[in-house]
Protein backbone atom coordinates (compact mmCIF):
# COMPACT_ATOMS: atom_id res chain seq x y z
CA UNK A 1 -7.90 -5.01 -12.52
CA UNK A 2 -6.49 -5.70 -9.09
CA UNK A 3 -5.70 -9.16 -7.85
CA UNK A 4 -5.54 -9.73 -4.09
CA UNK A 5 -3.01 -12.48 -3.50
CA UNK A 6 -1.10 -13.48 -0.41
CA UNK A 7 2.59 -14.25 -0.26
CA UNK A 8 3.84 -16.15 2.75
CA UNK A 9 7.54 -16.64 2.82
CA UNK A 10 10.52 -16.13 5.06
CA UNK A 11 13.52 -13.93 4.43
CA UNK A 12 15.25 -16.74 2.52
CA UNK A 13 12.23 -17.33 0.32
CA UNK A 14 11.11 -20.52 2.08
CA UNK A 15 7.39 -20.96 2.54
CA UNK A 16 6.65 -21.52 6.23
CA UNK A 17 5.33 -24.95 7.13
CA UNK A 18 4.36 -24.14 10.71
CA UNK A 19 6.31 -27.17 11.90
CA UNK A 20 4.55 -29.46 9.44
CA UNK A 21 6.31 -31.97 7.28
CA UNK A 22 6.95 -30.79 3.74
CA UNK A 23 4.30 -33.13 2.31
CA UNK A 24 1.74 -31.76 4.74
CA UNK A 25 2.62 -28.22 3.67
CA UNK A 26 2.12 -29.14 0.01
CA UNK A 27 -1.19 -30.82 0.83
CA UNK A 28 -2.37 -27.64 2.49
CA UNK A 29 -1.40 -25.61 -0.57
CA UNK A 30 -3.28 -28.08 -2.78
CA UNK A 31 -6.42 -27.52 -0.74
CA UNK A 32 -6.29 -23.78 -1.32
CA UNK A 33 -9.06 -23.91 -3.95
CA UNK A 34 -11.44 -25.10 -1.23
CA UNK A 35 -10.53 -22.05 0.85
CA UNK A 36 -11.43 -19.84 -2.12
CA UNK A 37 -14.71 -21.64 -2.72
CA UNK A 38 -15.71 -21.34 0.92
CA UNK A 39 -15.35 -17.58 0.61
CA UNK A 40 -17.13 -17.46 -2.74
CA UNK A 41 -20.15 -19.52 -1.59
CA UNK A 42 -20.51 -17.61 1.67
CA UNK A 43 -20.45 -14.40 -0.37
CA UNK A 44 -22.97 -15.52 -2.98
CA UNK A 45 -25.38 -16.67 -0.24
CA UNK A 46 -24.80 -13.45 1.78
CA UNK A 47 -24.24 -15.49 4.92
CA UNK A 48 -22.09 -12.76 6.45
CA UNK A 49 -24.91 -10.23 6.01
CA UNK A 50 -27.24 -12.61 7.85
CA UNK A 51 -24.71 -12.76 10.71
CA UNK A 52 -24.28 -9.00 10.95
CA UNK A 53 -26.44 -8.75 14.06
CA UNK A 54 -24.67 -11.56 15.90
CA UNK A 55 -24.53 -15.35 16.26
CA UNK A 56 -27.23 -17.56 14.75
CA UNK A 57 -27.81 -21.25 14.46
CA UNK A 58 -26.92 -23.10 11.30
CA UNK A 59 -30.53 -24.18 10.87
CA UNK A 60 -31.80 -20.58 11.21
CA UNK A 61 -29.20 -19.39 8.70
CA UNK A 62 -30.11 -22.14 6.26
CA UNK A 63 -33.73 -21.07 6.29
CA UNK A 64 -32.75 -17.40 5.86
CA UNK A 65 -30.58 -18.00 2.78
CA UNK A 66 -32.59 -20.89 1.35
CA UNK A 67 -30.12 -23.80 1.42
CA UNK A 68 -29.86 -27.33 2.81
CA UNK A 69 -29.41 -27.16 6.64
CA UNK A 70 -26.87 -29.96 7.00
CA UNK A 71 -24.83 -28.82 4.00
CA UNK A 72 -24.69 -25.26 5.38
CA UNK A 73 -23.59 -26.57 8.76
CA UNK A 74 -20.71 -28.37 7.07
CA UNK A 75 -19.80 -25.18 5.20
CA UNK A 76 -19.86 -23.15 8.46
CA UNK A 77 -17.62 -25.67 10.18
CA UNK A 78 -15.18 -25.45 7.29
CA UNK A 79 -15.39 -21.64 7.40
CA UNK A 80 -14.57 -21.73 11.09
CA UNK A 81 -11.60 -24.01 10.34
CA UNK A 82 -10.12 -21.36 8.01
CA UNK A 83 -10.76 -18.50 10.40
CA UNK A 84 -13.92 -16.89 8.99
CA UNK A 85 -16.35 -18.01 11.71
CA UNK A 86 -16.32 -18.99 15.37
CA UNK A 87 -18.71 -21.42 16.98
CA UNK A 88 -20.31 -19.76 20.01
CA UNK A 89 -22.33 -22.79 21.15
CA UNK A 90 -23.04 -26.07 19.40
CA UNK A 91 -23.99 -25.34 15.76
CA UNK A 92 -24.21 -21.56 16.36
CA UNK A 93 -21.75 -19.25 14.61
CA UNK A 94 -20.58 -15.68 14.52
CA UNK A 95 -18.21 -13.86 12.21
CA UNK A 96 -14.55 -13.35 13.00
CA UNK A 97 -12.81 -10.12 12.00
CA UNK A 98 -11.83 -11.82 8.71
CA UNK A 99 -15.41 -13.00 8.18
CA UNK A 100 -16.65 -9.43 8.63
CA UNK A 101 -14.93 -8.60 5.35
CA UNK A 102 -17.62 -10.67 3.59
CA UNK A 103 -20.40 -8.36 4.80
CA UNK A 104 -21.65 -6.12 1.99
CA UNK A 105 -21.73 -3.11 4.34
CA UNK A 106 -18.26 -3.60 5.82
CA UNK A 107 -15.75 -0.74 5.37
CA UNK A 108 -13.28 -3.48 4.36
CA UNK A 109 -15.82 -5.39 2.23
CA UNK A 110 -14.54 -7.99 -0.18
CA UNK A 111 -17.84 -9.66 -0.96
CA UNK A 112 -18.21 -8.43 -4.52
CA UNK A 113 -14.59 -9.23 -5.26
CA UNK A 114 -15.18 -12.78 -4.03
CA UNK A 115 -18.25 -13.11 -6.27
CA UNK A 116 -16.27 -11.75 -9.26
CA UNK A 117 -13.29 -14.04 -8.69
CA UNK A 118 -15.57 -16.99 -8.04
CA UNK A 119 -17.49 -16.62 -11.28
CA UNK A 120 -17.65 -19.77 -13.45
CA UNK A 121 -15.85 -17.83 -16.17
CA UNK A 122 -12.82 -16.98 -14.00
CA UNK A 123 -12.58 -20.52 -12.68
CA UNK A 124 -12.81 -21.94 -16.16
CA UNK A 125 -9.98 -19.68 -17.32
CA UNK A 126 -7.81 -20.38 -14.31
CA UNK A 127 -8.38 -24.09 -14.88
CA UNK A 128 -6.45 -23.68 -18.13
CA UNK A 129 -3.45 -22.08 -16.39
CA UNK A 130 -1.10 -24.67 -17.89
CA UNK A 131 -2.01 -23.54 -21.40
CA UNK A 132 -0.84 -19.99 -20.57
CA UNK A 133 2.44 -21.36 -19.25
CA UNK A 134 2.93 -23.32 -22.47
CA UNK A 135 2.08 -20.47 -24.82
CA UNK A 136 2.71 -17.27 -22.87
CA UNK A 137 -0.76 -16.09 -23.87
CA UNK A 138 -4.03 -15.55 -22.00
CA UNK A 139 -6.53 -18.39 -22.34
CA UNK A 140 -9.74 -16.33 -22.84
CA UNK A 141 -9.53 -16.03 -26.65
CA UNK A 142 -9.27 -19.84 -27.08
CA UNK A 143 -11.91 -20.72 -24.44
CA UNK A 144 -14.33 -17.85 -24.80
CA UNK A 145 -13.71 -16.84 -28.41
CA UNK A 146 -12.87 -13.29 -27.27
CA UNK A 147 -10.86 -11.40 -24.71
CA UNK A 148 -11.87 -11.30 -21.06
CA UNK A 149 -12.77 -7.60 -21.45
CA UNK A 150 -15.00 -8.37 -24.45
CA UNK A 151 -16.65 -11.15 -22.46
CA UNK A 152 -17.43 -8.76 -19.63
CA UNK A 153 -18.87 -6.25 -22.11
CA UNK A 154 -21.28 -8.92 -23.32
CA UNK A 155 -22.23 -10.12 -19.84
CA UNK A 156 -23.44 -7.15 -17.77
CA UNK A 157 -24.07 -9.06 -14.56
CA UNK A 158 -20.53 -10.43 -14.44
CA UNK A 159 -19.18 -6.98 -15.41
CA UNK A 160 -21.11 -5.38 -12.56
CA UNK A 161 -19.68 -7.74 -9.96
CA UNK A 162 -16.24 -7.18 -11.42
CA UNK A 163 -16.56 -3.38 -11.28
CA UNK A 164 -18.01 -3.52 -7.75
CA UNK A 165 -15.15 -5.80 -6.66
CA UNK A 166 -12.60 -3.37 -7.95
CA UNK A 167 -14.44 -0.57 -6.17
CA UNK A 168 -14.33 -2.39 -2.86
CA UNK A 169 -10.56 -2.28 -2.90
CA UNK A 170 -10.39 1.25 -4.19
CA UNK A 171 -11.40 3.13 -1.03
CA UNK A 172 -8.33 2.18 1.01
CA UNK A 173 -5.98 2.50 -1.92
CA UNK A 174 -7.42 5.89 -2.80
CA UNK A 175 -6.91 7.06 0.77
CA UNK A 176 -3.30 5.82 0.69
CA UNK A 177 -2.61 7.63 -2.58
CA UNK A 178 -4.28 10.84 -1.42
CA UNK A 179 -2.13 10.78 1.73
CA UNK A 180 1.06 10.41 -0.35
CA UNK A 181 0.57 13.03 -3.10
CA UNK A 182 -0.50 16.66 -3.28
CA UNK A 183 -2.77 17.38 -6.29
CA UNK A 184 -3.55 21.01 -5.36
CA UNK A 185 -1.30 22.46 -8.09
CA UNK A 186 -3.39 20.92 -10.85
CA UNK A 187 -6.63 22.17 -12.37
CA UNK A 188 -8.01 19.23 -14.37
CA UNK A 189 -7.63 15.68 -13.07
CA UNK A 190 -8.38 12.84 -15.50
CA UNK A 191 -9.08 9.39 -14.03
CA UNK A 192 -8.39 6.96 -16.89
CA UNK A 193 -10.37 3.78 -16.55
CA UNK A 194 -11.34 4.95 -13.07
CA UNK A 195 -14.49 2.83 -12.61
CA UNK A 196 -16.64 4.71 -10.08
CA UNK A 197 -14.10 7.52 -9.53
CA UNK A 198 -13.12 6.63 -5.97
CA UNK A 199 -9.51 7.75 -6.47
CA UNK A 200 -10.56 10.85 -8.36
CA UNK A 201 -12.92 11.87 -5.57
CA UNK A 202 -10.22 11.35 -2.90
CA UNK A 203 -7.81 13.63 -4.81
CA UNK A 204 -10.45 16.27 -5.60
CA UNK A 205 -11.09 16.51 -1.85
CA UNK A 206 -7.48 17.67 -1.54
CA UNK A 207 -7.66 20.05 -4.52
CA UNK A 208 -10.79 22.20 -3.90
CA UNK A 209 -10.21 24.43 -6.92
CA UNK A 210 -9.72 21.53 -9.38
CA UNK A 211 -12.23 19.72 -11.58
CA UNK A 212 -12.16 16.12 -12.65
CA UNK A 213 -12.95 13.84 -15.58
CA UNK A 214 -13.88 10.19 -15.15
CA UNK A 215 -13.31 8.05 -18.27
CA UNK A 216 -14.53 4.47 -18.54
CA UNK A 217 -16.73 2.14 -20.59
CA UNK A 218 -20.33 3.27 -21.10
CA UNK A 219 -21.96 0.80 -18.63
CA UNK A 220 -19.45 1.74 -15.94
CA UNK A 221 -19.97 5.45 -16.51
CA UNK A 222 -23.72 5.04 -16.17
CA UNK A 223 -23.26 3.23 -12.87
CA UNK A 224 -20.83 5.95 -11.73
CA UNK A 225 -23.44 8.59 -12.65
CA UNK A 226 -25.92 6.95 -10.29
CA UNK A 227 -23.35 6.64 -7.50
CA UNK A 228 -22.30 10.28 -7.81
CA UNK A 229 -25.89 11.57 -7.82
CA UNK A 230 -26.29 14.00 -4.93
CA UNK A 231 -22.59 13.95 -4.05
CA UNK A 232 -20.97 17.32 -3.29
CA UNK A 233 -18.40 16.42 -5.94
CA UNK A 234 -20.91 15.64 -8.69
CA UNK A 235 -20.75 19.17 -10.10
CA UNK A 236 -16.95 19.01 -10.33
CA UNK A 237 -16.68 15.72 -12.23
CA UNK A 238 -17.38 15.24 -15.94
CA UNK A 239 -18.35 11.69 -16.83
CA UNK A 240 -17.03 10.51 -20.17
CA UNK A 241 -17.80 7.17 -21.81
CA UNK A 242 -15.03 6.08 -24.09
CA UNK A 243 -12.02 3.86 -24.86
CA UNK A 244 -8.68 4.87 -23.37
CA UNK A 245 -6.89 2.98 -26.14
CA UNK A 246 -8.30 5.52 -28.61
CA UNK A 247 -8.72 8.89 -26.90
CA UNK A 248 -8.69 10.45 -23.43
CA UNK A 249 -9.92 13.90 -22.30
CA UNK A 250 -7.51 16.82 -21.86
CA UNK A 251 -6.09 17.49 -18.42
CA UNK A 252 -2.95 18.30 -16.49
CA UNK A 253 -2.92 15.38 -14.03
CA UNK A 254 -3.64 11.87 -15.31
CA UNK A 255 -4.48 9.01 -12.96
CA UNK A 256 -4.02 5.37 -13.99
CA UNK A 257 -4.77 3.01 -11.13
CA UNK A 258 -4.48 -0.72 -11.84
CA UNK A 259 -4.58 -0.10 -15.61
CA UNK A 260 -1.25 -0.86 -17.21
CA UNK A 261 -0.76 -4.22 -15.50
CA UNK A 262 -3.86 -5.46 -17.37
CA UNK A 263 -2.07 -5.07 -20.71
CA UNK A 264 0.99 -6.27 -22.62
CA UNK A 265 3.78 -3.82 -23.31
CA UNK A 266 2.46 -2.79 -26.75
CA UNK A 267 -0.98 -1.82 -25.43
CA UNK A 268 0.45 -0.24 -22.28
CA UNK A 269 2.60 2.10 -24.39
CA UNK A 270 -0.43 2.88 -26.57
CA UNK A 271 -2.45 3.89 -23.48
CA UNK A 272 0.37 6.11 -22.25
CA UNK A 273 0.83 7.68 -25.69
CA UNK A 274 -2.91 8.36 -25.92
CA UNK A 275 -2.73 10.22 -22.58
CA UNK A 276 0.34 12.11 -23.74
CA UNK A 277 -1.42 13.35 -26.88
CA UNK A 278 -4.13 14.99 -24.76
CA UNK A 279 -1.90 16.20 -21.96
CA UNK A 280 -1.44 19.87 -21.33
CA UNK A 281 2.13 21.28 -21.23
CA UNK A 282 3.79 20.31 -17.99
CA UNK A 283 1.12 17.67 -17.26
CA UNK A 284 1.91 14.96 -14.77
CA UNK A 285 0.86 11.30 -14.67
CA UNK A 286 0.40 9.02 -11.67
CA UNK A 287 0.56 5.26 -12.10
CA UNK A 288 -0.72 3.30 -9.11
CA UNK A 289 0.48 -0.28 -9.32
CA UNK A 290 2.04 -3.06 -7.29
CA UNK A 291 5.74 -3.41 -8.15
CA UNK A 292 7.66 -6.57 -8.66
CA UNK A 293 10.75 -6.47 -6.41
CA UNK A 294 14.09 -5.94 -8.12
CA UNK A 295 16.25 -7.84 -7.76
CA UNK A 296 13.85 -10.79 -7.45
CA UNK A 297 12.64 -11.80 -4.03
CA UNK A 298 9.54 -13.74 -2.98
CA UNK A 299 6.47 -11.49 -3.05
CA UNK A 300 2.68 -11.71 -3.26
CA UNK A 301 3.02 -9.65 -6.47
CA UNK A 302 4.23 -12.75 -8.25
CA UNK A 303 0.80 -14.33 -7.64
CA UNK A 304 -0.92 -11.35 -9.15
CA UNK A 305 1.48 -11.61 -12.10
CA UNK A 306 0.14 -15.07 -12.86
CA UNK A 307 -3.44 -13.78 -12.77
CA UNK A 308 -2.52 -11.08 -15.29
CA UNK A 309 -0.94 -13.72 -17.57
CA UNK A 310 -3.87 -16.15 -17.52
CA UNK A 311 -6.86 -13.79 -17.49
CA UNK A 312 -5.72 -10.76 -19.46
CA UNK A 313 -2.32 -11.24 -21.08
CA UNK A 314 -0.92 -8.45 -18.94
CA UNK A 315 1.84 -8.57 -16.34
CA UNK A 316 3.11 -7.03 -13.16
CA UNK A 317 6.35 -5.09 -13.61
CA UNK A 318 9.32 -3.61 -11.80
CA UNK A 319 9.78 0.12 -11.40
CA UNK A 320 12.47 -0.03 -14.12
CA UNK A 321 10.10 -1.78 -16.54
CA UNK A 322 7.41 0.84 -15.95
CA UNK A 323 10.02 3.51 -16.55
CA UNK A 324 10.76 2.03 -19.97
CA UNK A 325 7.06 2.02 -20.84
CA UNK A 326 6.63 5.63 -19.72
CA UNK A 327 9.48 6.85 -21.87
CA UNK A 328 8.15 4.92 -24.90
CA UNK A 329 4.76 6.56 -24.33
CA UNK A 330 6.07 10.10 -24.16
CA UNK A 331 6.54 10.56 -20.40
CA UNK A 332 9.66 11.14 -18.35
CA UNK A 333 9.69 9.06 -15.17
CA UNK A 334 10.06 11.03 -11.96
CA UNK A 335 9.85 9.80 -8.36
CA UNK A 336 8.41 6.51 -7.14
CA UNK A 337 6.40 7.01 -3.96
CA UNK A 338 5.41 4.03 -1.82
CA UNK A 339 2.08 4.12 -0.05
CA UNK A 340 1.26 2.62 3.30
CA UNK A 341 -0.36 -0.32 1.55
CA UNK A 342 0.75 -2.70 -1.22
CA UNK A 343 0.80 -0.13 -3.99
CA UNK A 344 3.32 2.39 -5.21
CA UNK A 345 2.81 5.64 -7.12
CA UNK A 346 5.03 6.09 -10.15
CA UNK A 347 5.04 9.74 -11.21
CA UNK A 348 5.98 11.02 -14.65
CA UNK A 349 6.05 14.31 -16.53
CA UNK A 350 4.95 14.85 -20.13
CA UNK A 351 7.98 15.16 -22.38
CA UNK A 352 8.14 18.18 -24.75
């Protein structure tokens, strides 16, 4: 799971106030949930898709998406206030560059991610943030009677939005990773929990003689099968439905993108050890994760760390902490390669 947070701070760790009084700055932070809901509601209603061809009136848009005209106008004015829309003439709006990200066909689409993060389930869990701070545990078991992953397995529509949201972010991250590593020396690439195989496909493009394995939960694999249908890579990728806590396919290059931060240390080591049991001699493993800065400095990764705590019971980690997990799971840490984006690649080699 990837959490897109924003960290705004200066070199001394002070949040910028833009010349505002401290109380005004705090008030703006308190209103952040309205910013999120503006994005969520616009995404659910597909307002950005309706604006793809250019500016339209609020009344025309309301008729197109089936909502109350005056209420939508108020939403559009708020969206313009936070930089998602621009008014071109009275009560007519077009998308800004940021608003374009809410189009479902945008190359930088975040619509599905917004729908996933805006689900009633996620908001209910985040509403109990204090409980996680008090206990150090995720809140899903107490509120939902099961883990967040088990909840998604029982609610296919939510799970689909979640998987699609992760996929939206994967394209750029996959391109960044493919630009930073050379997989051509490996013959069998295993994408562990790889959703629709975006990263796997990007690396197979750079390793024309290699084959790949995509491992994920059965519903995700079925969706991946449909997405890969007719792709030039379809014949080079085996689709395997399974549980990476129990068993993973054999290979010589293992890919774990946004996997370990979902889990506590015990489960993270278990996942790594499961990969190690199947790894060929000399196999290599690539972890793609955001890294907490060490020593501590302000960072957007700290916001993602809170999401991992509340929703999943996982955590973001430093490179040193990932190194400890790798060793415990049977891998020797090698180099850490930054990408051009937010993520780093932690490489490791299977220990004898």
